[in-house]
């Protein structure tokens, strides 16, 4: 719904932001950002992925399948 609002009766409300405006937050935000927002959770899922023997995601289909498998394994 977020990336395709027109499919759900929504509309794009974004606006352009200059790089200069974004750089003012460089001191506030950590230099290395976690992909999922929680480094511990990201590390946990990486370990689960290795232990489960899942093949690396090469496209969106296998990424979704791996996500569902990891979700089932973790009990979420």
PDB file of N, CA and C in Angstrom:
ATOM      1  N   UNK A   1       0.827  -1.185   0.000  1.00  0.00           N
ATOM      2  CA  UNK A   1       0.000   0.000   0.000  1.00  0.00           C
ATOM      3  C   UNK A   1       0.878   1.257   0.000  1.00  0.00           C
ATOM      4  N   UNK A   2       2.031   1.169   0.679  1.00  0.00           N
ATOM      5  CA  UNK A   2       2.894   2.339   0.778  1.00  0.00           C
ATOM      6  C   UNK A   2       3.504   2.690  -0.574  1.00  0.00           C
ATOM      7  N   UNK A   3       4.003   1.671  -1.287  1.00  0.00           N
ATOM      8  CA  UNK A   3       4.701   1.931  -2.538  1.00  0.00           C
ATOM      9  C   UNK A   3       3.770   2.059  -3.744  1.00  0.00           C
ATOM     10  N   UNK A   4       2.560   1.583  -3.638  1.00  0.00           N
ATOM     11  CA  UNK A   4       1.614   1.641  -4.749  1.00  0.00           C
ATOM     12  C   UNK A   4       0.276   2.218  -4.280  1.00  0.00           C
ATOM     13  N   UNK A   5       0.267   3.436  -3.787  1.00  0.00           N
ATOM     14  CA  UNK A   5      -0.964   3.985  -3.206  1.00  0.00           C
ATOM     15  C   UNK A   5      -2.113   4.076  -4.198  1.00  0.00           C
ATOM     16  N   UNK A   6      -1.804   4.289  -5.482  1.00  0.00           N
ATOM     17  CA  UNK A   6      -2.872   4.429  -6.480  1.00  0.00           C
ATOM     18  C   UNK A   6      -3.701   3.155  -6.616  1.00  0.00           C
ATOM     19  N   UNK A   7      -3.130   2.004  -6.270  1.00  0.00           N
ATOM     20  CA  UNK A   7      -3.877   0.751  -6.360  1.00  0.00           C
ATOM     21  C   UNK A   7      -4.886   0.598  -5.227  1.00  0.00           C
ATOM     22  N   UNK A   8      -4.767   1.414  -4.205  1.00  0.00           N
ATOM     23  CA  UNK A   8      -5.622   1.288  -3.035  1.00  0.00           C
ATOM     24  C   UNK A   8      -6.415   2.567  -2.767  1.00  0.00           C
ATOM     25  N   UNK A   9      -6.566   3.378  -3.803  1.00  0.00           N
ATOM     26  CA  UNK A   9      -7.345   4.599  -3.656  1.00  0.00           C
ATOM     27  C   UNK A   9      -6.618   5.718  -2.939  1.00  0.00           C
ATOM     28  N   UNK A  10      -5.303   5.551  -2.739  1.00  0.00           N
ATOM     29  CA  UNK A  10      -4.523   6.584  -2.076  1.00  0.00           C
ATOM     30  C   UNK A  10      -3.861   7.503  -3.081  1.00  0.00           C
ATOM     31  N   UNK A  11      -3.023   8.379  -2.583  1.00  0.00           N
ATOM     32  CA  UNK A  11      -2.293   9.276  -3.481  1.00  0.00           C
ATOM     33  C   UNK A  11      -0.898   9.507  -2.924  1.00  0.00           C
ATOM     34  N   UNK A  12      -0.004   9.895  -3.785  1.00  0.00           N
ATOM     35  CA  UNK A  12       1.381  10.163  -3.410  1.00  0.00           C
ATOM     36  C   UNK A  12       1.450  11.500  -2.693  1.00  0.00           C
ATOM     37  N   UNK A  13       1.947  11.505  -1.485  1.00  0.00           N
ATOM     38  CA  UNK A  13       2.045  12.735  -0.696  1.00  0.00           C
ATOM     39  C   UNK A  13       3.497  13.131  -0.434  1.00  0.00           C
ATOM     40  N   UNK A  14       4.430  12.450  -1.098  1.00  0.00           N
ATOM     41  CA  UNK A  14       5.839  12.741  -0.889  1.00  0.00           C
ATOM     42  C   UNK A  14       6.247  14.059  -1.510  1.00  0.00           C
ATOM     43  N   UNK A  15       7.413  14.510  -1.146  1.00  0.00           N
ATOM     44  CA  UNK A  15       7.963  15.729  -1.721  1.00  0.00           C
ATOM     45  C   UNK A  15       9.475  15.588  -1.796  1.00  0.00           C
ATOM     46  N   UNK A  16      10.091  16.235  -2.773  1.00  0.00           N
ATOM     47  CA  UNK A  16      11.543  16.112  -2.925  1.00  0.00           C
ATOM     48  C   UNK A  16      12.284  16.809  -1.786  1.00  0.00           C
ATOM     49  N   UNK A  17      13.410  16.212  -1.396  1.00  0.00           N
ATOM     50  CA  UNK A  17      14.259  16.775  -0.348  1.00  0.00           C
ATOM     51  C   UNK A  17      15.684  16.824  -0.892  1.00  0.00           C
ATOM     52  N   UNK A  18      16.343  17.943  -0.722  1.00  0.00           N
ATOM     53  CA  UNK A  18      17.703  18.095  -1.240  1.00  0.00           C
ATOM     54  C   UNK A  18      18.694  17.293  -0.397  1.00  0.00           C
ATOM     55  N   UNK A  19      19.818  16.934  -0.995  1.00  0.00           N
ATOM     56  CA  UNK A  19      20.866  16.228  -0.282  1.00  0.00           C
ATOM     57  C   UNK A  19      21.425  17.082   0.853  1.00  0.00           C
ATOM     58  N   UNK A  20      21.484  18.391   0.637  1.00  0.00           N
ATOM     59  CA  UNK A  20      21.964  19.289   1.692  1.00  0.00           C
ATOM     60  C   UNK A  20      21.075  19.200   2.935  1.00  0.00           C
ATOM     61  N   UNK A  21      19.770  19.137   2.717  1.00  0.00           N
ATOM     62  CA  UNK A  21      18.843  19.033   3.846  1.00  0.00           C
ATOM     63  C   UNK A  21      19.029  17.698   4.572  1.00  0.00           C
ATOM     64  N   UNK A  22      19.298  16.635   3.829  1.00  0.00           N
ATOM     65  CA  UNK A  22      19.498  15.321   4.442  1.00  0.00           C
ATOM     66  C   UNK A  22      20.801  15.245   5.226  1.00  0.00           C
ATOM     67  N   UNK A  23      21.835  15.929   4.745  1.00  0.00           N
ATOM     68  CA  UNK A  23      23.143  15.876   5.405  1.00  0.00           C
ATOM     69  C   UNK A  23      23.137  16.512   6.790  1.00  0.00           C
ATOM     70  N   UNK A  24      22.153  17.335   7.088  1.00  0.00           N
ATOM     71  CA  UNK A  24      22.107  17.935   8.419  1.00  0.00           C
ATOM     72  C   UNK A  24      21.845  16.892   9.511  1.00  0.00           C
ATOM     73  N   UNK A  25      21.393  15.689   9.106  1.00  0.00           N
ATOM     74  CA  UNK A  25      21.119  14.621  10.070  1.00  0.00           C
ATOM     75  C   UNK A  25      22.273  13.634  10.195  1.00  0.00           C
ATOM     76  N   UNK A  26      23.364  13.839   9.462  1.00  0.00           N
ATOM     77  CA  UNK A  26      24.495  12.911   9.498  1.00  0.00           C
ATOM     78  C   UNK A  26      25.067  12.735  10.897  1.00  0.00           C
ATOM     79  N   UNK A  27      25.095  13.781  11.691  1.00  0.00           N
ATOM     80  CA  UNK A  27      25.652  13.691  13.045  1.00  0.00           C
ATOM     81  C   UNK A  27      24.707  12.984  14.012  1.00  0.00           C
ATOM     82  N   UNK A  28      23.430  13.003  13.712  1.00  0.00           N
ATOM     83  CA  UNK A  28      22.425  12.429  14.608  1.00  0.00           C
ATOM     84  C   UNK A  28      22.264  10.929  14.377  1.00  0.00           C
ATOM     85  N   UNK A  29      22.223  10.534  13.111  1.00  0.00           N
ATOM     86  CA  UNK A  29      21.976   9.140  12.759  1.00  0.00           C
ATOM     87  C   UNK A  29      23.272   8.343  12.765  1.00  0.00           C
ATOM     88  N   UNK A  30      23.223   7.074  13.151  1.00  0.00           N
ATOM     89  CA  UNK A  30      24.438   6.257  13.131  1.00  0.00           C
ATOM     90  C   UNK A  30      24.951   6.069  11.709  1.00  0.00           C
ATOM     91  N   UNK A  31      26.269   5.949  11.577  1.00  0.00           N
ATOM     92  CA  UNK A  31      26.879   5.822  10.254  1.00  0.00           C
ATOM     93  C   UNK A  31      26.451   4.535   9.570  1.00  0.00           C
ATOM     94  N   UNK A  32      26.396   3.445  10.303  1.00  0.00           N
ATOM     95  CA  UNK A  32      25.980   2.182   9.721  1.00  0.00           C
ATOM     96  C   UNK A  32      24.590   1.853  10.226  1.00  0.00           C
ATOM     97  N   UNK A  33      23.647   1.842   9.320  1.00  0.00           N
ATOM     98  CA  UNK A  33      22.263   1.579   9.699  1.00  0.00           C
ATOM     99  C   UNK A  33      21.923   0.121   9.436  1.00  0.00           C
ATOM    100  N   UNK A  34      21.200  -0.465  10.327  1.00  0.00           N
ATOM    101  CA  UNK A  34      20.747  -1.837  10.185  1.00  0.00           C
ATOM    102  C   UNK A  34      19.628  -1.877   9.147  1.00  0.00           C
ATOM    103  N   UNK A  35      19.603  -2.936   8.353  1.00  0.00           N
ATOM    104  CA  UNK A  35      18.579  -3.046   7.319  1.00  0.00           C
ATOM    105  C   UNK A  35      17.178  -3.151   7.894  1.00  0.00           C
ATOM    106  N   UNK A  36      17.040  -3.802   9.025  1.00  0.00           N
ATOM    107  CA  UNK A  36      15.703  -3.985   9.591  1.00  0.00           C
ATOM    108  C   UNK A  36      15.441  -3.049  10.765  1.00  0.00           C
ATOM    109  N   UNK A  37      16.407  -2.217  11.112  1.00  0.00           N
ATOM    110  CA  UNK A  37      16.205  -1.281  12.197  1.00  0.00           C
ATOM    111  C   UNK A  37      16.619  -1.802  13.563  1.00  0.00           C
ATOM    112  N   UNK A  38      16.892  -3.086  13.662  1.00  0.00           N
ATOM    113  CA  UNK A  38      17.304  -3.688  14.929  1.00  0.00           C
ATOM    114  C   UNK A  38      18.457  -4.641  14.635  1.00  0.00           C
ATOM    115  N   UNK A  39      19.668  -4.229  14.987  1.00  0.00           N
ATOM    116  CA  UNK A  39      20.848  -5.032  14.693  1.00  0.00           C
ATOM    117  C   UNK A  39      20.804  -6.412  15.307  1.00  0.00           C
ATOM    118  N   UNK A  40      20.279  -6.530  16.522  1.00  0.00           N
ATOM    119  CA  UNK A  40      20.185  -7.833  17.172  1.00  0.00           C
ATOM    120  C   UNK A  40      19.227  -8.755  16.430  1.00  0.00           C
ATOM    121  N   UNK A  41      18.096  -8.216  16.023  1.00  0.00           N
ATOM    122  CA  UNK A  41      17.120  -9.019  15.293  1.00  0.00           C
ATOM    123  C   UNK A  41      17.678  -9.426  13.933  1.00  0.00           C
ATOM    124  N   UNK A  42      18.368  -8.508  13.278  1.00  0.00           N
ATOM    125  CA  UNK A  42      18.966  -8.811  11.979  1.00  0.00           C
ATOM    126  C   UNK A  42      19.997  -9.941  12.114  1.00  0.00           C
ATOM    127  N   UNK A  43      20.825  -9.884  13.161  1.00  0.00           N
ATOM    128  CA  UNK A  43      21.821 -10.920  13.401  1.00  0.00           C
ATOM    129  C   UNK A  43      21.133 -12.258  13.707  1.00  0.00           C
ATOM    130  N   UNK A  44      20.050 -12.223  14.482  1.00  0.00           N
ATOM    131  CA  UNK A  44      19.298 -13.432  14.816  1.00  0.00           C
ATOM    132  C   UNK A  44      18.762 -14.103  13.550  1.00  0.00           C
ATOM    133  N   UNK A  45      18.174 -13.316  12.651  1.00  0.00           N
ATOM    134  CA  UNK A  45      17.632 -13.882  11.419  1.00  0.00           C
ATOM    135  C   UNK A  45      18.743 -14.389  10.502  1.00  0.00           C
ATOM    136  N   UNK A  46      19.896 -13.728  10.491  1.00  0.00           N
ATOM    137  CA  UNK A  46      21.025 -14.202   9.682  1.00  0.00           C
ATOM    138  C   UNK A  46      21.502 -15.559  10.186  1.00  0.00           C
ATOM    139  N   UNK A  47      21.570 -15.716  11.517  1.00  0.00           N
ATOM    140  CA  UNK A  47      21.963 -17.000  12.097  1.00  0.00           C
ATOM    141  C   UNK A  47      20.928 -18.082  11.779  1.00  0.00           C
ATOM    142  N   UNK A  48      19.658 -17.735  11.887  1.00  0.00           N
ATOM    143  CA  UNK A  48      18.591 -18.696  11.580  1.00  0.00           C
ATOM    144  C   UNK A  48      18.664 -19.118  10.120  1.00  0.00           C
ATOM    145  N   UNK A  49      18.957 -18.165   9.243  1.00  0.00           N
ATOM    146  CA  UNK A  49      19.037 -18.469   7.811  1.00  0.00           C
ATOM    147  C   UNK A  49      20.168 -19.460   7.547  1.00  0.00           C
ATOM    148  N   UNK A  50      21.314 -19.265   8.198  1.00  0.00           N
ATOM    149  CA  UNK A  50      22.440 -20.181   8.021  1.00  0.00           C
ATOM    150  C   UNK A  50      22.102 -21.565   8.556  1.00  0.00           C
ATOM    151  N   UNK A  51      21.489 -21.623   9.717  1.00  0.00           N
ATOM    152  CA  UNK A  51      21.170 -22.900  10.351  1.00  0.00           C
ATOM    153  C   UNK A  51      20.080 -23.663   9.600  1.00  0.00           C
ATOM    154  N   UNK A  52      19.179 -22.942   8.959  1.00  0.00           N
ATOM    155  CA  UNK A  52      18.063 -23.597   8.276  1.00  0.00           C
ATOM    156  C   UNK A  52      18.460 -24.170   6.931  1.00  0.00           C
ATOM    157  N   UNK A  53      19.593 -23.704   6.377  1.00  0.00           N
ATOM    158  CA  UNK A  53      20.030 -24.203   5.079  1.00  0.00           C
ATOM    159  C   UNK A  53      19.275 -23.597   3.916  1.00  0.00           C
ATOM    160  N   UNK A  54      18.616 -22.464   4.139  1.00  0.00           N
ATOM    161  CA  UNK A  54      17.893 -21.806   3.052  1.00  0.00           C
ATOM    162  C   UNK A  54      18.875 -21.305   1.996  1.00  0.00           C
ATOM    163  N   UNK A  55      18.484 -21.432   0.749  1.00  0.00           N
ATOM    164  CA  UNK A  55      19.314 -20.923  -0.344  1.00  0.00           C
ATOM    165  C   UNK A  55      19.271 -19.397  -0.339  1.00  0.00           C
ATOM    166  N   UNK A  56      20.349 -18.734  -0.743  1.00  0.00           N
ATOM    167  CA  UNK A  56      20.344 -17.269  -0.798  1.00  0.00           C
ATOM    168  C   UNK A  56      19.242 -16.764  -1.731  1.00  0.00           C
ATOM    169  N   UNK A  57      18.660 -15.645  -1.385  1.00  0.00           N
ATOM    170  CA  UNK A  57      17.601 -15.055  -2.205  1.00  0.00           C
ATOM    171  C   UNK A  57      18.215 -14.405  -3.435  1.00  0.00           C
ATOM    172  N   UNK A  58      17.838 -14.894  -4.597  1.00  0.00           N
ATOM    173  CA  UNK A  58      18.362 -14.353  -5.845  1.00  0.00           C
ATOM    174  C   UNK A  58      17.352 -13.451  -6.549  1.00  0.00           C
ATOM    175  N   UNK A  59      16.092 -13.535  -6.122  1.00  0.00           N
ATOM    176  CA  UNK A  59      15.045 -12.690  -6.702  1.00  0.00           C
ATOM    177  C   UNK A  59      13.960 -12.501  -5.650  1.00  0.00           C
ATOM    178  N   UNK A  60      12.954 -11.731  -5.975  1.00  0.00           N
ATOM    179  CA  UNK A  60      11.929 -11.412  -4.977  1.00  0.00           C
ATOM    180  C   UNK A  60      11.128 -12.646  -4.568  1.00  0.00           C
ATOM    181  N   UNK A  61      10.963 -13.610  -5.480  1.00  0.00           N
ATOM    182  CA  UNK A  61      10.177 -14.802  -5.164  1.00  0.00           C
ATOM    183  C   UNK A  61      10.865 -15.627  -4.077  1.00  0.00           C
ATOM    184  N   UNK A  62      12.155 -15.876  -4.248  1.00  0.00           N
ATOM    185  CA  UNK A  62      12.866 -16.654  -3.232  1.00  0.00           C
ATOM    186  C   UNK A  62      13.029 -15.850  -1.944  1.00  0.00           C
ATOM    187  N   UNK A  63      13.114 -14.534  -2.043  1.00  0.00           N
ATOM    188  CA  UNK A  63      13.189 -13.703  -0.839  1.00  0.00           C
ATOM    189  C   UNK A  63      11.905 -13.842  -0.024  1.00  0.00           C
ATOM    190  N   UNK A  64      10.763 -13.832  -0.693  1.00  0.00           N
ATOM    191  CA  UNK A  64       9.474 -13.995   0.003  1.00  0.00           C
ATOM    192  C   UNK A  64       9.382 -15.389   0.612  1.00  0.00           C
ATOM    193  N   UNK A  65       9.795 -16.406  -0.140  1.00  0.00           N
ATOM    194  CA  UNK A  65       9.760 -17.773   0.382  1.00  0.00           C
ATOM    195  C   UNK A  65      10.658 -17.908   1.610  1.00  0.00           C
ATOM    196  N   UNK A  66      11.862 -17.329   1.549  1.00  0.00           N
ATOM    197  CA  UNK A  66      12.767 -17.375   2.706  1.00  0.00           C
ATOM    198  C   UNK A  66      12.188 -16.616   3.886  1.00  0.00           C
ATOM    199  N   UNK A  67      11.573 -15.485   3.624  1.00  0.00           N
ATOM    200  CA  UNK A  67      10.955 -14.700   4.697  1.00  0.00           C
ATOM    201  C   UNK A  67       9.882 -15.519   5.404  1.00  0.00           C
ATOM    202  N   UNK A  68       9.023 -16.160   4.627  1.00  0.00           N
ATOM    203  CA  UNK A  68       7.945 -16.964   5.209  1.00  0.00           C
ATOM    204  C   UNK A  68       8.531 -18.137   5.985  1.00  0.00           C
ATOM    205  N   UNK A  69       9.564 -18.769   5.439  1.00  0.00           N
ATOM    206  CA  UNK A  69      10.200 -19.885   6.141  1.00  0.00           C
ATOM    207  C   UNK A  69      10.811 -19.424   7.450  1.00  0.00           C
ATOM    208  N   UNK A  70      11.537 -18.301   7.440  1.00  0.00           N
ATOM    209  CA  UNK A  70      12.149 -17.786   8.655  1.00  0.00           C
ATOM    210  C   UNK A  70      11.089 -17.355   9.670  1.00  0.00           C
ATOM    211  N   UNK A  71      10.006 -16.815   9.173  1.00  0.00           N
ATOM    212  CA  UNK A  71       8.920 -16.414  10.074  1.00  0.00           C
ATOM    213  C   UNK A  71       8.319 -17.649  10.747  1.00  0.00           C
ATOM    214  N   UNK A  72       8.124 -18.704   9.975  1.00  0.00           N
ATOM    215  CA  UNK A  72       7.586 -19.944  10.553  1.00  0.00           C
ATOM    216  C   UNK A  72       8.559 -20.551  11.562  1.00  0.00           C
ATOM    217  N   UNK A  73       9.857 -20.550  11.224  1.00  0.00           N
ATOM    218  CA  UNK A  73      10.863 -21.117  12.116  1.00  0.00           C
ATOM    219  C   UNK A  73      10.921 -20.349  13.431  1.00  0.00           C
ATOM    220  N   UNK A  74      10.811 -19.013  13.340  1.00  0.00           N
ATOM    221  CA  UNK A  74      10.926 -18.189  14.544  1.00  0.00           C
ATOM    222  C   UNK A  74       9.632 -18.149  15.351  1.00  0.00           C
ATOM    223  N   UNK A  75       8.548 -18.634  14.770  1.00  0.00           N
ATOM    224  CA  UNK A  75       7.277 -18.657  15.489  1.00  0.00           C
ATOM    225  C   UNK A  75       6.570 -17.322  15.515  1.00  0.00           C
ATOM    226  N   UNK A  76       6.889 -16.441  14.581  1.00  0.00           N
ATOM    227  CA  UNK A  76       6.220 -15.134  14.534  1.00  0.00           C
ATOM    228  C   UNK A  76       4.945 -15.198  13.732  1.00  0.00           C
TER     229      UNK A  76
END
